All heavy atoms as atom14 arrays in JSON, in Angstrom:
{
  "sequence": "AMKEQFDKNQIPCVMEDALNFASDRAARYGRKVYIWSTVKAKRVFA",
  "atom14_mask": [
    [1, 1, 1, 1, 1, 0, 0, 0, 0, 0, 0, 0, 0, 0],
    [1, 1, 1, 1, 1, 1, 1, 1, 0, 0, 0, 0, 0, 0],
    [1, 1, 1, 1, 1, 1, 1, 1, 1, 0, 0, 0, 0, 0],
    [1, 1, 1, 1, 1, 1, 1, 1, 1, 0, 0, 0, 0, 0],
    [1, 1, 1, 1, 1, 1, 1, 1, 1, 0, 0, 0, 0, 0],
    [1, 1, 1, 1, 1, 1, 1, 1, 1, 1, 1, 0, 0, 0],
    [1, 1, 1, 1, 1, 1, 1, 1, 0, 0, 0, 0, 0, 0],
    [1, 1, 1, 1, 1, 1, 1, 1, 1, 0, 0, 0, 0, 0],
    [1, 1, 1, 1, 1, 1, 1, 1, 0, 0, 0, 0, 0, 0],
    [1, 1, 1, 1, 1, 1, 1, 1, 1, 0, 0, 0, 0, 0],
    [1, 1, 1, 1, 1, 1, 1, 1, 0, 0, 0, 0, 0, 0],
    [1, 1, 1, 1, 1, 1, 1, 0, 0, 0, 0, 0, 0, 0],
    [1, 1, 1, 1, 1, 1, 0, 0, 0, 0, 0, 0, 0, 0],
    [1, 1, 1, 1, 1, 1, 1, 0, 0, 0, 0, 0, 0, 0],
    [1, 1, 1, 1, 1, 1, 1, 1, 0, 0, 0, 0, 0, 0],
    [1, 1, 1, 1, 1, 1, 1, 1, 1, 0, 0, 0, 0, 0],
    [1, 1, 1, 1, 1, 1, 1, 1, 0, 0, 0, 0, 0, 0],
    [1, 1, 1, 1, 1, 0, 0, 0, 0, 0, 0, 0, 0, 0],
    [1, 1, 1, 1, 1, 1, 1, 1, 0, 0, 0, 0, 0, 0],
    [1, 1, 1, 1, 1, 1, 1, 1, 0, 0, 0, 0, 0, 0],
    [1, 1, 1, 1, 1, 1, 1, 1, 1, 1, 1, 0, 0, 0],
    [1, 1, 1, 1, 1, 0, 0, 0, 0, 0, 0, 0, 0, 0],
    [1, 1, 1, 1, 1, 1, 0, 0, 0, 0, 0, 0, 0, 0],
    [1, 1, 1, 1, 1, 1, 1, 1, 0, 0, 0, 0, 0, 0],
    [1, 1, 1, 1, 1, 1, 1, 1, 1, 1, 1, 0, 0, 0],
    [1, 1, 1, 1, 1, 0, 0, 0, 0, 0, 0, 0, 0, 0],
    [1, 1, 1, 1, 1, 0, 0, 0, 0, 0, 0, 0, 0, 0],
    [1, 1, 1, 1, 1, 1, 1, 1, 1, 1, 1, 0, 0, 0],
    [1, 1, 1, 1, 1, 1, 1, 1, 1, 1, 1, 1, 0, 0],
    [1, 1, 1, 1, 0, 0, 0, 0, 0, 0, 0, 0, 0, 0],
    [1, 1, 1, 1, 1, 1, 1, 1, 1, 1, 1, 0, 0, 0],
    [1, 1, 1, 1, 1, 1, 1, 1, 1, 0, 0, 0, 0, 0],
    [1, 1, 1, 1, 1, 1, 1, 0, 0, 0, 0, 0, 0, 0],
    [1, 1, 1, 1, 1, 1, 1, 1, 1, 1, 1, 1, 0, 0],
    [1, 1, 1, 1, 1, 1, 1, 1, 0, 0, 0, 0, 0, 0],
    [1, 1, 1, 1, 1, 1, 1, 1, 1, 1, 1, 1, 1, 1],
    [1, 1, 1, 1, 1, 1, 0, 0, 0, 0, 0, 0, 0, 0],
    [1, 1, 1, 1, 1, 1, 1, 0, 0, 0, 0, 0, 0, 0],
    [1, 1, 1, 1, 1, 1, 1, 0, 0, 0, 0, 0, 0, 0],
    [1, 1, 1, 1, 1, 1, 1, 1, 1, 0, 0, 0, 0, 0],
    [1, 1, 1, 1, 1, 0, 0, 0, 0, 0, 0, 0, 0, 0],
    [1, 1, 1, 1, 1, 1, 1, 1, 1, 0, 0, 0, 0, 0],
    [1, 1, 1, 1, 1, 1, 1, 1, 1, 1, 1, 0, 0, 0],
    [1, 1, 1, 1, 1, 1, 1, 0, 0, 0, 0, 0, 0, 0],
    [1, 1, 1, 1, 1, 1, 1, 1, 1, 1, 1, 0, 0, 0],
    [1, 1, 1, 1, 1, 0, 0, 0, 0, 0, 0, 0, 0, 0]
  ],
  "atom14_positions": [
    [[-9.37, -8.92, 0.6], [-8.13, -9.54, 0.18], [-8.2, -11.07, 0.76], [-7.75, -11.94, 0.09], [-6.96, -8.84, 0.77], [0.0, 0.0, 0.0], [0.0, 0.0, 0.0], [0.0, 0.0, 0.0], [0.0, 0.0, 0.0], [0.0, 0.0, 0.0], [0.0, 0.0, 0.0], [0.0, 0.0, 0.0], [0.0, 0.0, 0.0], [0.0, 0.0, 0.0]],
    [[-8.75, -11.27, 1.87], [-8.85, -12.62, 2.49], [-9.92, -13.41, 1.7], [-9.71, -14.68, 1.45], [-9.13, -12.54, 4.02], [-7.98, -12.1, 4.79], [-6.47, -12.85, 4.34], [-6.88, -14.59, 4.57], [0.0, 0.0, 0.0], [0.0, 0.0, 0.0], [0.0, 0.0, 0.0], [0.0, 0.0, 0.0], [0.0, 0.0, 0.0], [0.0, 0.0, 0.0]],
    [[-11.05, -12.68, 1.37], [-12.15, -13.49, 0.62], [-11.49, -13.92, -0.65], [-11.93, -15.1, -1.19], [-13.3, -12.66, 0.54], [-14.55, -13.31, -0.09], [-15.79, -12.47, -0.11], [-17.02, -13.35, -0.51], [-16.76, -14.01, -1.76], [0.0, 0.0, 0.0], [0.0, 0.0, 0.0], [0.0, 0.0, 0.0], [0.0, 0.0, 0.0], [0.0, 0.0, 0.0]],
    [[-10.79, -13.13, -1.39], [-10.13, -13.46, -2.54], [-9.38, -14.8, -2.41], [-9.46, -15.64, -3.31], [-9.24, -12.29, -3.0], [-8.54, -12.4, -4.24], [-7.71, -11.15, -4.55], [-6.44, -11.3, -4.2], [-8.11, -10.19, -4.94], [0.0, 0.0, 0.0], [0.0, 0.0, 0.0], [0.0, 0.0, 0.0], [0.0, 0.0, 0.0], [0.0, 0.0, 0.0]],
    [[-8.66, -15.07, -1.37], [-7.84, -16.26, -1.21], [-8.85, -17.49, -0.96], [-8.57, -18.54, -1.53], [-7.04, -16.12, 0.03], [-6.0, -14.94, -0.04], [-5.01, -15.3, -1.21], [-4.47, -16.38, -1.41], [-4.5, -14.33, -1.9], [0.0, 0.0, 0.0], [0.0, 0.0, 0.0], [0.0, 0.0, 0.0], [0.0, 0.0, 0.0], [0.0, 0.0, 0.0]],
    [[-9.82, -17.28, -0.22], [-10.8, -18.4, 0.01], [-11.58, -18.72, -1.27], [-11.76, -19.85, -1.54], [-11.79, -18.12, 1.16], [-11.05, -18.14, 2.5], [-10.73, -16.95, 3.21], [-10.73, -19.39, 3.2], [-10.14, -16.96, 4.49], [-10.06, -19.37, 4.37], [-9.86, -18.17, 4.99], [0.0, 0.0, 0.0], [0.0, 0.0, 0.0], [0.0, 0.0, 0.0]],
    [[-11.94, -17.68, -1.96], [-12.72, -17.9, -3.2], [-11.82, -18.67, -4.2], [-12.4, -19.57, -4.9], [-13.14, -16.55, -3.7], [-14.26, -15.97, -3.01], [-14.89, -16.67, -2.14], [-14.65, -14.75, -3.22], [0.0, 0.0, 0.0], [0.0, 0.0, 0.0], [0.0, 0.0, 0.0], [0.0, 0.0, 0.0], [0.0, 0.0, 0.0], [0.0, 0.0, 0.0]],
    [[-10.56, -18.31, -4.45], [-9.81, -18.84, -5.5], [-9.38, -20.41, -5.16], [-9.17, -21.18, -6.03], [-8.63, -18.09, -5.78], [-7.44, -18.07, -4.8], [-6.27, -17.26, -5.29], [-5.15, -17.33, -4.5], [-3.98, -16.4, -4.9], [0.0, 0.0, 0.0], [0.0, 0.0, 0.0], [0.0, 0.0, 0.0], [0.0, 0.0, 0.0], [0.0, 0.0, 0.0]],
    [[-9.58, -20.67, -3.83], [-9.36, -21.96, -3.45], [-10.52, -22.85, -3.13], [-10.61, -23.9, -2.57], [-8.49, -22.15, -2.14], [-7.01, -21.64, -2.44], [-6.28, -22.44, -2.96], [-6.68, -20.38, -2.06], [0.0, 0.0, 0.0], [0.0, 0.0, 0.0], [0.0, 0.0, 0.0], [0.0, 0.0, 0.0], [0.0, 0.0, 0.0], [0.0, 0.0, 0.0]],
    [[-11.75, -22.09, -3.58], [-13.01, -22.87, -3.58], [-13.48, -23.23, -2.15], [-14.1, -24.33, -2.02], [-13.25, -23.99, -4.54], [-12.77, -23.51, -6.01], [-12.91, -24.68, -6.95], [-12.64, -25.86, -6.66], [-13.27, -24.23, -8.17], [0.0, 0.0, 0.0], [0.0, 0.0, 0.0], [0.0, 0.0, 0.0], [0.0, 0.0, 0.0], [0.0, 0.0, 0.0]],
    [[-13.06, -22.5, -1.08], [-13.46, -22.69, 0.19], [-14.79, -21.71, 0.5], [-14.6, -20.43, 0.18], [-12.59, -22.53, 1.22], [-11.4, -23.61, 1.1], [-13.08, -22.47, 2.55], [-10.29, -23.54, 1.91], [0.0, 0.0, 0.0], [0.0, 0.0, 0.0], [0.0, 0.0, 0.0], [0.0, 0.0, 0.0], [0.0, 0.0, 0.0], [0.0, 0.0, 0.0]],
    [[-15.88, -22.27, 0.77], [-17.09, -21.29, 1.05], [-16.8, -20.2, 2.02], [-16.15, -20.39, 3.05], [-18.12, -22.32, 1.79], [-17.73, -23.59, 1.15], [-16.18, -23.54, 1.1], [0.0, 0.0, 0.0], [0.0, 0.0, 0.0], [0.0, 0.0, 0.0], [0.0, 0.0, 0.0], [0.0, 0.0, 0.0], [0.0, 0.0, 0.0], [0.0, 0.0, 0.0]],
    [[-16.99, -19.0, 1.58], [-16.65, -17.73, 2.33], [-17.71, -16.68, 2.05], [-18.01, -16.4, 0.86], [-15.21, -17.43, 1.97], [-14.61, -15.79, 2.85], [0.0, 0.0, 0.0], [0.0, 0.0, 0.0], [0.0, 0.0, 0.0], [0.0, 0.0, 0.0], [0.0, 0.0, 0.0], [0.0, 0.0, 0.0], [0.0, 0.0, 0.0], [0.0, 0.0, 0.0]],
    [[-18.18, -16.1, 3.06], [-19.13, -14.95, 3.0], [-18.52, -13.7, 3.72], [-18.0, -13.9, 4.83], [-20.47, -15.35, 3.55], [-21.42, -14.21, 3.54], [-21.11, -16.49, 2.66], [0.0, 0.0, 0.0], [0.0, 0.0, 0.0], [0.0, 0.0, 0.0], [0.0, 0.0, 0.0], [0.0, 0.0, 0.0], [0.0, 0.0, 0.0], [0.0, 0.0, 0.0]],
    [[-18.66, -12.55, 3.13], [-18.25, -11.22, 3.75], [-19.51, -10.56, 4.13], [-20.3, -10.22, 3.43], [-17.3, -10.55, 2.91], [-16.94, -9.25, 3.49], [-15.75, -8.42, 2.28], [-15.8, -6.65, 3.0], [0.0, 0.0, 0.0], [0.0, 0.0, 0.0], [0.0, 0.0, 0.0], [0.0, 0.0, 0.0], [0.0, 0.0, 0.0], [0.0, 0.0, 0.0]],
    [[-19.56, -10.03, 5.43], [-20.59, -9.28, 6.01], [-20.18, -8.04, 6.62], [-19.11, -8.08, 7.17], [-21.58, -10.13, 6.8], [-22.34, -11.25, 6.14], [-23.51, -10.78, 5.38], [-23.7, -9.58, 5.4], [-24.2, -11.64, 4.82], [0.0, 0.0, 0.0], [0.0, 0.0, 0.0], [0.0, 0.0, 0.0], [0.0, 0.0, 0.0], [0.0, 0.0, 0.0]],
    [[-21.0, -6.95, 6.62], [-20.72, -5.8, 7.45], [-21.43, -6.05, 8.79], [-22.62, -6.27, 8.91], [-21.39, -4.58, 6.73], [-21.13, -3.36, 7.6], [-20.9, -3.29, 8.79], [-21.12, -2.29, 6.86], [0.0, 0.0, 0.0], [0.0, 0.0, 0.0], [0.0, 0.0, 0.0], [0.0, 0.0, 0.0], [0.0, 0.0, 0.0], [0.0, 0.0, 0.0]],
    [[-20.56, -6.13, 9.89], [-20.93, -6.5, 11.17], [-22.19, -5.49, 11.71], [-23.08, -6.02, 12.33], [-19.85, -6.51, 12.1], [0.0, 0.0, 0.0], [0.0, 0.0, 0.0], [0.0, 0.0, 0.0], [0.0, 0.0, 0.0], [0.0, 0.0, 0.0], [0.0, 0.0, 0.0], [0.0, 0.0, 0.0], [0.0, 0.0, 0.0], [0.0, 0.0, 0.0]],
    [[-22.08, -4.39, 11.23], [-23.13, -3.39, 11.76], [-24.43, -3.59, 11.11], [-25.5, -2.94, 11.54], [-22.64, -1.89, 11.6], [-21.49, -1.39, 12.48], [-21.08, 0.04, 12.22], [-21.83, -1.73, 14.01], [0.0, 0.0, 0.0], [0.0, 0.0, 0.0], [0.0, 0.0, 0.0], [0.0, 0.0, 0.0], [0.0, 0.0, 0.0], [0.0, 0.0, 0.0]],
    [[-24.49, -4.43, 10.06], [-25.83, -4.73, 9.53], [-26.69, -5.61, 10.52], [-27.86, -5.74, 10.25], [-25.67, -5.4, 8.14], [-25.21, -4.6, 7.03], [-25.33, -3.28, 7.14], [-24.79, -5.2, 6.08], [0.0, 0.0, 0.0], [0.0, 0.0, 0.0], [0.0, 0.0, 0.0], [0.0, 0.0, 0.0], [0.0, 0.0, 0.0], [0.0, 0.0, 0.0]],
    [[-25.96, -6.28, 11.5], [-26.7, -6.95, 12.45], [-27.19, -6.14, 13.56], [-28.0, -6.55, 14.51], [-25.79, -8.1, 12.97], [-25.38, -9.06, 11.91], [-24.18, -9.03, 11.21], [-26.28, -10.09, 11.56], [-23.84, -9.85, 10.25], [-25.96, -11.1, 10.6], [-24.77, -10.88, 9.95], [0.0, 0.0, 0.0], [0.0, 0.0, 0.0], [0.0, 0.0, 0.0]],
    [[-26.67, -4.93, 13.69], [-27.17, -3.97, 14.73], [-28.32, -3.33, 14.09], [-28.76, -3.47, 12.97], [-26.04, -2.85, 14.97], [0.0, 0.0, 0.0], [0.0, 0.0, 0.0], [0.0, 0.0, 0.0], [0.0, 0.0, 0.0], [0.0, 0.0, 0.0], [0.0, 0.0, 0.0], [0.0, 0.0, 0.0], [0.0, 0.0, 0.0], [0.0, 0.0, 0.0]],
    [[-29.07, -2.44, 14.85], [-30.25, -1.8, 14.51], [-29.82, -0.79, 13.43], [-28.64, -0.35, 13.53], [-30.9, -1.05, 15.64], [-30.18, -0.07, 16.08], [0.0, 0.0, 0.0], [0.0, 0.0, 0.0], [0.0, 0.0, 0.0], [0.0, 0.0, 0.0], [0.0, 0.0, 0.0], [0.0, 0.0, 0.0], [0.0, 0.0, 0.0], [0.0, 0.0, 0.0]],
    [[-30.77, -0.47, 12.56], [-30.3, 0.62, 11.35], [-29.96, 1.9, 12.08], [-28.82, 2.41, 11.72], [-31.53, 0.9, 10.61], [-31.87, -0.33, 9.76], [-31.02, -1.24, 9.53], [-33.03, -0.43, 9.17], [0.0, 0.0, 0.0], [0.0, 0.0, 0.0], [0.0, 0.0, 0.0], [0.0, 0.0, 0.0], [0.0, 0.0, 0.0], [0.0, 0.0, 0.0]],
    [[-30.49, 2.33, 13.11], [-30.22, 3.71, 13.78], [-28.83, 3.5, 14.4], [-27.95, 4.42, 14.22], [-31.18, 3.9, 14.78], [-31.01, 5.29, 15.57], [-32.06, 5.5, 16.63], [-31.73, 6.83, 17.35], [-32.46, 7.18, 18.33], [-33.52, 6.47, 18.76], [-32.2, 8.3, 18.98], [0.0, 0.0, 0.0], [0.0, 0.0, 0.0], [0.0, 0.0, 0.0]],
    [[-28.48, 2.38, 15.08], [-27.2, 2.19, 15.75], [-26.1, 2.14, 14.69], [-24.95, 2.67, 14.86], [-27.24, 1.03, 16.59], [0.0, 0.0, 0.0], [0.0, 0.0, 0.0], [0.0, 0.0, 0.0], [0.0, 0.0, 0.0], [0.0, 0.0, 0.0], [0.0, 0.0, 0.0], [0.0, 0.0, 0.0], [0.0, 0.0, 0.0], [0.0, 0.0, 0.0]],
    [[-26.37, 1.47, 13.57], [-25.3, 1.35, 12.51], [-24.92, 2.68, 11.83], [-23.82, 2.97, 11.62], [-25.84, 0.39, 11.4], [0.0, 0.0, 0.0], [0.0, 0.0, 0.0], [0.0, 0.0, 0.0], [0.0, 0.0, 0.0], [0.0, 0.0, 0.0], [0.0, 0.0, 0.0], [0.0, 0.0, 0.0], [0.0, 0.0, 0.0], [0.0, 0.0, 0.0]],
    [[-26.01, 3.46, 11.64], [-25.79, 4.71, 10.94], [-25.06, 5.75, 11.89], [-24.22, 6.38, 11.5], [-27.18, 5.43, 10.63], [-27.81, 4.69, 9.33], [-28.99, 5.54, 8.8], [-30.02, 5.9, 9.75], [-31.02, 5.14, 9.92], [-31.21, 4.07, 9.29], [-31.91, 5.55, 10.99], [0.0, 0.0, 0.0], [0.0, 0.0, 0.0], [0.0, 0.0, 0.0]],
    [[-25.51, 5.58, 13.17], [-24.86, 6.48, 14.22], [-23.3, 6.07, 14.24], [-22.52, 7.04, 14.28], [-25.62, 6.35, 15.53], [-25.0, 7.23, 16.58], [-25.26, 8.56, 16.64], [-24.18, 6.6, 17.64], [-24.68, 9.34, 17.63], [-23.7, 7.39, 18.68], [-23.93, 8.73, 18.61], [-23.41, 9.52, 19.52], [0.0, 0.0, 0.0], [0.0, 0.0, 0.0]],
    [[-23.04, 4.84, 14.4], [-21.64, 4.42, 14.58], [-20.7, 4.98, 13.35], [-19.67, 5.39, 13.62], [0.0, 0.0, 0.0], [0.0, 0.0, 0.0], [0.0, 0.0, 0.0], [0.0, 0.0, 0.0], [0.0, 0.0, 0.0], [0.0, 0.0, 0.0], [0.0, 0.0, 0.0], [0.0, 0.0, 0.0], [0.0, 0.0, 0.0], [0.0, 0.0, 0.0]],
    [[-21.25, 4.7, 12.09], [-20.55, 5.16, 10.99], [-20.19, 6.73, 11.0], [-19.22, 7.31, 10.69], [-21.12, 4.79, 9.73], [-21.17, 3.24, 9.66], [-21.54, 2.71, 8.17], [-21.69, 1.28, 8.12], [-22.87, 0.57, 8.21], [-24.02, 1.26, 8.43], [-22.79, -0.71, 8.16], [0.0, 0.0, 0.0], [0.0, 0.0, 0.0], [0.0, 0.0, 0.0]],
    [[-21.5, 7.47, 11.27], [-21.37, 8.9, 11.23], [-20.45, 9.43, 12.24], [-19.64, 10.38, 11.99], [-22.77, 9.48, 11.45], [-23.64, 9.35, 10.2], [-25.03, 10.04, 10.51], [-25.96, 10.05, 9.2], [-27.3, 10.64, 9.58], [0.0, 0.0, 0.0], [0.0, 0.0, 0.0], [0.0, 0.0, 0.0], [0.0, 0.0, 0.0], [0.0, 0.0, 0.0]],
    [[-20.46, 8.93, 13.52], [-19.66, 9.37, 14.51], [-17.98, 9.08, 14.06], [-17.26, 10.12, 14.3], [-19.84, 8.64, 15.89], [-18.84, 8.91, 16.94], [-21.19, 9.24, 16.47], [0.0, 0.0, 0.0], [0.0, 0.0, 0.0], [0.0, 0.0, 0.0], [0.0, 0.0, 0.0], [0.0, 0.0, 0.0], [0.0, 0.0, 0.0], [0.0, 0.0, 0.0]],
    [[-17.79, 8.07, 13.51], [-16.51, 7.75, 13.11], [-15.98, 8.77, 12.1], [-14.89, 9.41, 12.14], [-16.3, 6.37, 12.64], [-14.92, 6.0, 12.2], [-13.93, 5.51, 13.03], [-14.59, 6.14, 10.88], [-12.66, 5.23, 12.73], [-13.22, 5.75, 10.55], [-12.31, 5.41, 11.46], [-11.06, 5.13, 10.92], [0.0, 0.0, 0.0], [0.0, 0.0, 0.0]],
    [[-16.74, 8.97, 11.11], [-16.37, 9.88, 9.95], [-16.25, 11.21, 10.52], [-15.4, 11.99, 10.12], [-17.46, 9.86, 8.78], [-17.34, 8.35, 8.16], [-17.14, 10.78, 7.79], [-18.63, 8.04, 7.27], [0.0, 0.0, 0.0], [0.0, 0.0, 0.0], [0.0, 0.0, 0.0], [0.0, 0.0, 0.0], [0.0, 0.0, 0.0], [0.0, 0.0, 0.0]],
    [[-17.24, 11.65, 11.32], [-17.13, 13.05, 11.85], [-15.92, 13.27, 12.68], [-15.17, 14.2, 12.56], [-18.32, 13.34, 12.79], [-18.33, 14.68, 13.39], [-18.56, 15.97, 12.87], [-17.89, 15.0, 14.67], [-18.35, 17.0, 13.79], [-18.01, 16.35, 15.06], [-17.45, 14.15, 15.83], [-17.63, 16.85, 16.16], [-17.11, 14.68, 17.04], [-17.17, 16.09, 17.15]],
    [[-15.58, 12.33, 13.61], [-14.51, 12.47, 14.38], [-13.11, 12.38, 13.76], [-12.21, 13.05, 14.22], [-14.47, 11.4, 15.54], [-14.29, 10.04, 14.93], [0.0, 0.0, 0.0], [0.0, 0.0, 0.0], [0.0, 0.0, 0.0], [0.0, 0.0, 0.0], [0.0, 0.0, 0.0], [0.0, 0.0, 0.0], [0.0, 0.0, 0.0], [0.0, 0.0, 0.0]],
    [[-13.01, 11.69, 12.5], [-11.72, 11.63, 11.99], [-11.53, 12.7, 10.92], [-10.53, 13.2, 10.52], [-11.55, 10.2, 11.27], [-12.71, 9.94, 10.47], [-11.49, 9.17, 12.3], [0.0, 0.0, 0.0], [0.0, 0.0, 0.0], [0.0, 0.0, 0.0], [0.0, 0.0, 0.0], [0.0, 0.0, 0.0], [0.0, 0.0, 0.0], [0.0, 0.0, 0.0]],
    [[-12.82, 13.09, 10.15], [-12.57, 14.17, 9.23], [-12.75, 15.61, 9.77], [-12.03, 16.54, 9.46], [-13.57, 13.96, 8.13], [-13.6, 14.93, 7.01], [-13.51, 12.53, 7.36], [0.0, 0.0, 0.0], [0.0, 0.0, 0.0], [0.0, 0.0, 0.0], [0.0, 0.0, 0.0], [0.0, 0.0, 0.0], [0.0, 0.0, 0.0], [0.0, 0.0, 0.0]],
    [[-13.82, 15.8, 10.66], [-14.12, 17.12, 11.03], [-13.65, 17.48, 12.43], [-13.47, 18.64, 12.7], [-15.7, 17.21, 11.05], [-16.27, 16.98, 9.85], [-16.1, 18.04, 8.88], [-17.0, 17.8, 7.44], [-16.64, 18.83, 6.52], [0.0, 0.0, 0.0], [0.0, 0.0, 0.0], [0.0, 0.0, 0.0], [0.0, 0.0, 0.0], [0.0, 0.0, 0.0]],
    [[-13.28, 16.44, 13.24], [-12.77, 16.81, 14.62], [-11.65, 15.9, 15.11], [-11.92, 15.06, 15.96], [-13.93, 16.64, 15.52], [0.0, 0.0, 0.0], [0.0, 0.0, 0.0], [0.0, 0.0, 0.0], [0.0, 0.0, 0.0], [0.0, 0.0, 0.0], [0.0, 0.0, 0.0], [0.0, 0.0, 0.0], [0.0, 0.0, 0.0], [0.0, 0.0, 0.0]],
    [[-10.47, 16.11, 14.49], [-9.48, 15.14, 14.78], [-8.98, 15.28, 16.27], [-8.48, 14.33, 16.79], [-8.24, 15.59, 13.84], [-8.44, 15.19, 12.44], [-7.22, 15.19, 11.55], [-7.52, 14.74, 10.08], [-6.3, 15.04, 9.29], [0.0, 0.0, 0.0], [0.0, 0.0, 0.0], [0.0, 0.0, 0.0], [0.0, 0.0, 0.0], [0.0, 0.0, 0.0]],
    [[-9.11, 16.52, 16.74], [-8.8, 16.61, 18.22], [-9.48, 15.75, 19.17], [-9.12, 15.11, 20.14], [-8.83, 18.05, 18.68], [-7.81, 18.89, 17.99], [-7.93, 20.36, 18.64], [-6.93, 21.22, 17.93], [-6.81, 22.51, 18.22], [-7.56, 23.11, 19.05], [-5.79, 23.16, 17.65], [0.0, 0.0, 0.0], [0.0, 0.0, 0.0], [0.0, 0.0, 0.0]],
    [[-10.92, 15.66, 18.82], [-11.83, 14.78, 19.59], [-11.4, 13.26, 19.48], [-11.26, 12.58, 20.39], [-13.21, 14.93, 19.01], [-14.16, 13.84, 19.71], [-13.75, 16.31, 19.36], [0.0, 0.0, 0.0], [0.0, 0.0, 0.0], [0.0, 0.0, 0.0], [0.0, 0.0, 0.0], [0.0, 0.0, 0.0], [0.0, 0.0, 0.0], [0.0, 0.0, 0.0]],
    [[-11.01, 12.99, 18.19], [-10.61, 11.45, 17.84], [-9.29, 11.27, 18.63], [-9.06, 10.14, 19.23], [-10.51, 11.38, 16.34], [-10.08, 9.87, 16.0], [-11.06, 8.95, 15.84], [-8.8, 9.48, 15.88], [-10.93, 7.69, 15.47], [-8.58, 8.14, 15.45], [-9.55, 7.2, 15.35], [0.0, 0.0, 0.0], [0.0, 0.0, 0.0], [0.0, 0.0, 0.0]],
    [[-8.42, 12.16, 18.51], [-7.08, 11.92, 19.3], [-7.31, 11.78, 20.8], [-6.7, 10.98, 21.31], [-6.12, 13.24, 18.94], [0.0, 0.0, 0.0], [0.0, 0.0, 0.0], [0.0, 0.0, 0.0], [0.0, 0.0, 0.0], [0.0, 0.0, 0.0], [0.0, 0.0, 0.0], [0.0, 0.0, 0.0], [0.0, 0.0, 0.0], [0.0, 0.0, 0.0]]
  ]
}
């Protein structure tokens, strides 16, 4: 939504996934833990 605003006003803007700057293993692990904790183990997340 924010990139949409900068683009339509022709201000240079790039959107990146921050975890792409981490190691592949760390990025995959971070996403998996989040998904598991919120979908499969809500008590853990809470």
